[in-house]
Amino acid sequence: MVERLATCCYCGRRTALRDVDHHLVCGSCAAPLTNMKPLKLRQAAAVASHAPTKVARPMKSKKRKKSKSLWRKVAGEAFDLIEDIFD
């Protein structure tokens, strides 16, 4: 199993390609990969063989809904009272 090191021709990002991966486009900018070079055995062993695990993050707390201010409550009651008078 020979792993290859590919360099993006646009952004210069280097990616290790294994026999399983057949994507010849950059993961960050989607440009074609060029400059294919075989990795040395020491470097090939250092490449992760599995996807990284997700870190458990605490859930964000919901923002509390602001209660109506006293002025708004009074204005609403006054509007209802005026509306009742005209009905």
N, C-alpha and C. Protein backbone atom coordinates (compact mmCIF):
# COMPACT_ATOMS: atom_id res chain seq x y z
N MET A 1 0.85 -1.17 0.00
CA MET A 1 0.00 0.00 0.00
C MET A 1 0.90 1.24 0.00
N VAL A 2 0.98 1.88 -1.14
CA VAL A 2 1.81 3.08 -1.26
C VAL A 2 0.90 4.30 -1.13
N GLU A 3 1.24 5.13 -0.20
CA GLU A 3 0.49 6.37 -0.04
C GLU A 3 1.21 7.47 -0.79
N ARG A 4 0.43 8.40 -1.33
CA ARG A 4 1.02 9.48 -2.10
C ARG A 4 0.67 10.81 -1.44
N LEU A 5 1.57 11.75 -1.63
CA LEU A 5 1.38 13.10 -1.13
C LEU A 5 1.06 13.98 -2.32
N ALA A 6 -0.10 14.64 -2.30
CA ALA A 6 -0.52 15.49 -3.40
C ALA A 6 -0.56 16.93 -2.93
N THR A 7 -0.17 17.84 -3.81
CA THR A 7 -0.16 19.27 -3.51
C THR A 7 -1.17 19.96 -4.42
N CYS A 8 -1.98 20.82 -3.84
CA CYS A 8 -2.97 21.57 -4.61
C CYS A 8 -2.24 22.60 -5.47
N CYS A 9 -2.67 22.72 -6.74
CA CYS A 9 -1.99 23.66 -7.63
C CYS A 9 -2.47 25.09 -7.41
N TYR A 10 -3.53 25.29 -6.65
CA TYR A 10 -4.06 26.63 -6.44
C TYR A 10 -3.66 27.19 -5.07
N CYS A 11 -4.03 26.47 -4.00
CA CYS A 11 -3.76 27.01 -2.65
C CYS A 11 -2.50 26.43 -2.02
N GLY A 12 -1.94 25.36 -2.59
CA GLY A 12 -0.69 24.79 -2.07
C GLY A 12 -0.88 23.85 -0.90
N ARG A 13 -2.09 23.51 -0.55
CA ARG A 13 -2.34 22.60 0.56
C ARG A 13 -1.88 21.20 0.20
N ARG A 14 -1.24 20.52 1.12
CA ARG A 14 -0.74 19.17 0.88
C ARG A 14 -1.69 18.17 1.51
N THR A 15 -1.97 17.09 0.77
CA THR A 15 -2.91 16.07 1.21
C THR A 15 -2.30 14.69 0.99
N ALA A 16 -2.47 13.79 1.97
CA ALA A 16 -2.01 12.42 1.82
C ALA A 16 -3.14 11.59 1.23
N LEU A 17 -2.87 10.94 0.10
CA LEU A 17 -3.87 10.09 -0.56
C LEU A 17 -3.50 8.63 -0.34
N ARG A 18 -4.46 7.83 0.09
CA ARG A 18 -4.24 6.40 0.27
C ARG A 18 -4.83 5.67 -0.92
N ASP A 19 -4.70 4.37 -0.92
CA ASP A 19 -5.28 3.56 -2.00
C ASP A 19 -6.80 3.66 -2.01
N VAL A 20 -7.39 3.90 -0.85
CA VAL A 20 -8.85 3.98 -0.73
C VAL A 20 -9.37 5.29 -1.32
N ASP A 21 -8.62 6.38 -1.14
CA ASP A 21 -9.07 7.69 -1.61
C ASP A 21 -8.76 7.86 -3.09
N HIS A 22 -9.74 8.26 -3.84
CA HIS A 22 -9.54 8.50 -5.26
C HIS A 22 -9.95 9.91 -5.64
N HIS A 23 -9.98 10.82 -4.66
CA HIS A 23 -10.36 12.19 -4.92
C HIS A 23 -9.13 12.96 -5.39
N LEU A 24 -9.17 13.47 -6.57
CA LEU A 24 -8.05 14.23 -7.09
C LEU A 24 -8.35 15.72 -7.13
N VAL A 25 -9.13 16.19 -6.14
CA VAL A 25 -9.41 17.61 -5.99
C VAL A 25 -9.08 18.00 -4.55
N CYS A 26 -8.72 19.25 -4.38
CA CYS A 26 -8.36 19.77 -3.06
C CYS A 26 -9.60 19.82 -2.17
N GLY A 27 -9.46 19.47 -0.91
CA GLY A 27 -10.57 19.49 0.02
C GLY A 27 -10.98 20.88 0.44
N SER A 28 -10.09 21.86 0.30
CA SER A 28 -10.43 23.21 0.75
C SER A 28 -10.88 24.13 -0.37
N CYS A 29 -10.29 23.98 -1.59
CA CYS A 29 -10.65 24.92 -2.65
C CYS A 29 -11.18 24.23 -3.91
N ALA A 30 -11.22 22.91 -3.96
CA ALA A 30 -11.74 22.10 -5.06
C ALA A 30 -10.95 22.25 -6.35
N ALA A 31 -9.71 22.69 -6.28
CA ALA A 31 -8.85 22.77 -7.46
C ALA A 31 -8.18 21.40 -7.66
N PRO A 32 -7.70 21.09 -8.85
CA PRO A 32 -7.06 19.80 -9.09
C PRO A 32 -5.75 19.66 -8.32
N LEU A 33 -5.47 18.42 -7.89
CA LEU A 33 -4.24 18.15 -7.16
C LEU A 33 -3.14 17.77 -8.14
N THR A 34 -1.94 18.26 -7.89
CA THR A 34 -0.80 17.97 -8.76
C THR A 34 0.40 17.60 -7.91
N ASN A 35 1.53 17.38 -8.55
CA ASN A 35 2.80 17.06 -7.88
C ASN A 35 2.66 15.85 -6.97
N MET A 36 2.27 14.72 -7.53
CA MET A 36 2.11 13.49 -6.76
C MET A 36 3.48 12.92 -6.42
N LYS A 37 3.73 12.67 -5.12
CA LYS A 37 4.99 12.11 -4.68
C LYS A 37 4.69 10.97 -3.71
N PRO A 38 5.44 9.86 -3.78
CA PRO A 38 5.22 8.79 -2.81
C PRO A 38 5.74 9.21 -1.43
N LEU A 39 5.01 8.82 -0.39
CA LEU A 39 5.46 9.12 0.96
C LEU A 39 6.49 8.11 1.42
N LYS A 40 7.38 8.53 2.28
CA LYS A 40 8.33 7.61 2.88
C LYS A 40 7.57 6.77 3.90
N LEU A 41 8.09 5.60 4.21
CA LEU A 41 7.38 4.68 5.11
C LEU A 41 7.16 5.30 6.48
N ARG A 42 8.11 6.08 6.97
CA ARG A 42 7.93 6.70 8.29
C ARG A 42 6.80 7.72 8.26
N GLN A 43 6.70 8.47 7.20
CA GLN A 43 5.63 9.46 7.08
C GLN A 43 4.29 8.79 6.84
N ALA A 44 4.28 7.70 6.11
CA ALA A 44 3.03 7.00 5.81
C ALA A 44 2.41 6.44 7.09
N ALA A 45 3.22 6.00 8.02
CA ALA A 45 2.69 5.47 9.28
C ALA A 45 2.11 6.58 10.15
N ALA A 46 2.60 7.80 9.98
CA ALA A 46 2.13 8.91 10.81
C ALA A 46 0.77 9.43 10.38
N VAL A 47 0.33 9.11 9.18
CA VAL A 47 -0.97 9.57 8.69
C VAL A 47 -2.06 8.82 9.43
N ALA A 48 -3.08 9.52 9.89
CA ALA A 48 -4.17 8.91 10.64
C ALA A 48 -4.92 7.91 9.77
N SER A 49 -5.27 6.78 10.35
CA SER A 49 -5.96 5.74 9.58
C SER A 49 -7.47 5.81 9.76
N HIS A 50 -7.96 6.74 10.53
CA HIS A 50 -9.40 6.87 10.75
C HIS A 50 -9.76 8.35 10.85
N ALA A 51 -11.02 8.61 10.75
CA ALA A 51 -11.50 9.99 10.85
C ALA A 51 -11.40 10.45 12.31
N PRO A 52 -11.08 11.71 12.54
CA PRO A 52 -11.01 12.19 13.92
C PRO A 52 -12.39 12.18 14.58
N THR A 53 -12.41 11.93 15.86
CA THR A 53 -13.68 11.89 16.59
C THR A 53 -14.13 13.31 16.90
N LYS A 54 -15.42 13.48 16.99
CA LYS A 54 -15.96 14.80 17.31
C LYS A 54 -15.85 15.03 18.81
N VAL A 55 -15.54 16.26 19.17
CA VAL A 55 -15.42 16.64 20.56
C VAL A 55 -16.81 16.99 21.08
N ALA A 56 -17.15 16.43 22.23
CA ALA A 56 -18.46 16.72 22.82
C ALA A 56 -18.45 18.15 23.35
N ARG A 57 -19.38 18.94 22.86
CA ARG A 57 -19.49 20.33 23.31
C ARG A 57 -20.79 20.50 24.06
N PRO A 58 -20.78 21.31 25.10
CA PRO A 58 -22.02 21.53 25.83
C PRO A 58 -23.03 22.27 24.96
N MET A 59 -24.28 21.96 25.16
CA MET A 59 -25.35 22.60 24.41
C MET A 59 -25.44 24.07 24.81
N LYS A 60 -25.67 24.93 23.83
CA LYS A 60 -25.85 26.35 24.13
C LYS A 60 -27.22 26.53 24.78
N SER A 61 -27.26 27.40 25.77
CA SER A 61 -28.53 27.66 26.44
C SER A 61 -29.36 28.61 25.58
N LYS A 62 -30.65 28.41 25.60
CA LYS A 62 -31.55 29.26 24.82
C LYS A 62 -31.63 30.64 25.47
N LYS A 63 -31.74 31.66 24.64
CA LYS A 63 -31.90 32.99 25.17
C LYS A 63 -33.31 33.11 25.74
N ARG A 64 -33.41 33.76 26.90
CA ARG A 64 -34.72 33.96 27.51
C ARG A 64 -35.48 35.04 26.77
N LYS A 65 -36.76 34.82 26.62
CA LYS A 65 -37.61 35.81 25.97
C LYS A 65 -37.81 36.96 26.95
N LYS A 66 -37.61 38.18 26.46
CA LYS A 66 -37.79 39.34 27.31
C LYS A 66 -39.27 39.51 27.64
N SER A 67 -39.54 39.82 28.89
CA SER A 67 -40.93 40.07 29.27
C SER A 67 -41.31 41.50 28.89
N LYS A 68 -42.58 41.73 28.75
CA LYS A 68 -43.05 43.07 28.37
C LYS A 68 -42.76 44.05 29.51
N SER A 69 -42.35 45.23 29.14
CA SER A 69 -42.07 46.24 30.14
C SER A 69 -43.38 46.77 30.72
N LEU A 70 -43.27 47.44 31.85
CA LEU A 70 -44.45 47.98 32.52
C LEU A 70 -45.14 49.01 31.61
N TRP A 71 -44.36 49.85 30.93
CA TRP A 71 -44.92 50.86 30.05
C TRP A 71 -45.72 50.21 28.92
N ARG A 72 -45.22 49.12 28.37
CA ARG A 72 -45.92 48.45 27.28
C ARG A 72 -47.23 47.83 27.76
N LYS A 73 -47.21 47.27 28.97
CA LYS A 73 -48.44 46.69 29.53
C LYS A 73 -49.50 47.76 29.75
N VAL A 74 -49.08 48.90 30.29
CA VAL A 74 -50.01 49.99 30.55
C VAL A 74 -50.56 50.54 29.23
N ALA A 75 -49.71 50.70 28.24
CA ALA A 75 -50.15 51.21 26.94
C ALA A 75 -51.12 50.24 26.29
N GLY A 76 -50.87 48.94 26.41
CA GLY A 76 -51.77 47.93 25.85
C GLY A 76 -53.14 47.97 26.51
N GLU A 77 -53.17 48.13 27.84
CA GLU A 77 -54.44 48.20 28.56
C GLU A 77 -55.20 49.46 28.17
N ALA A 78 -54.48 50.59 28.03
CA ALA A 78 -55.14 51.84 27.64
C ALA A 78 -55.72 51.73 26.24
N PHE A 79 -55.01 51.09 25.33
CA PHE A 79 -55.50 50.89 23.97
C PHE A 79 -56.75 50.02 23.97
N ASP A 80 -56.75 48.96 24.78
CA ASP A 80 -57.93 48.09 24.89
C ASP A 80 -59.12 48.86 25.45
N LEU A 81 -58.87 49.73 26.44
CA LEU A 81 -59.95 50.50 27.05
C LEU A 81 -60.55 51.47 26.02
N ILE A 82 -59.70 52.14 25.24
CA ILE A 82 -60.19 53.06 24.21
C ILE A 82 -60.96 52.30 23.14
N GLU A 83 -60.48 51.14 22.78
CA GLU A 83 -61.15 50.32 21.77
C GLU A 83 -62.53 49.88 22.27
N ASP A 84 -62.62 49.54 23.56
CA ASP A 84 -63.91 49.13 24.13
C ASP A 84 -64.91 50.29 24.14
N ILE A 85 -64.41 51.51 24.35
CA ILE A 85 -65.30 52.68 24.37
C ILE A 85 -65.91 52.88 22.99
N PHE A 86 -65.13 52.74 21.93
CA PHE A 86 -65.64 52.96 20.58
C PHE A 86 -66.52 51.80 20.09
N ASP A 87 -66.42 50.65 20.70
CA ASP A 87 -67.27 49.52 20.29
C ASP A 87 -68.56 49.62 21.01
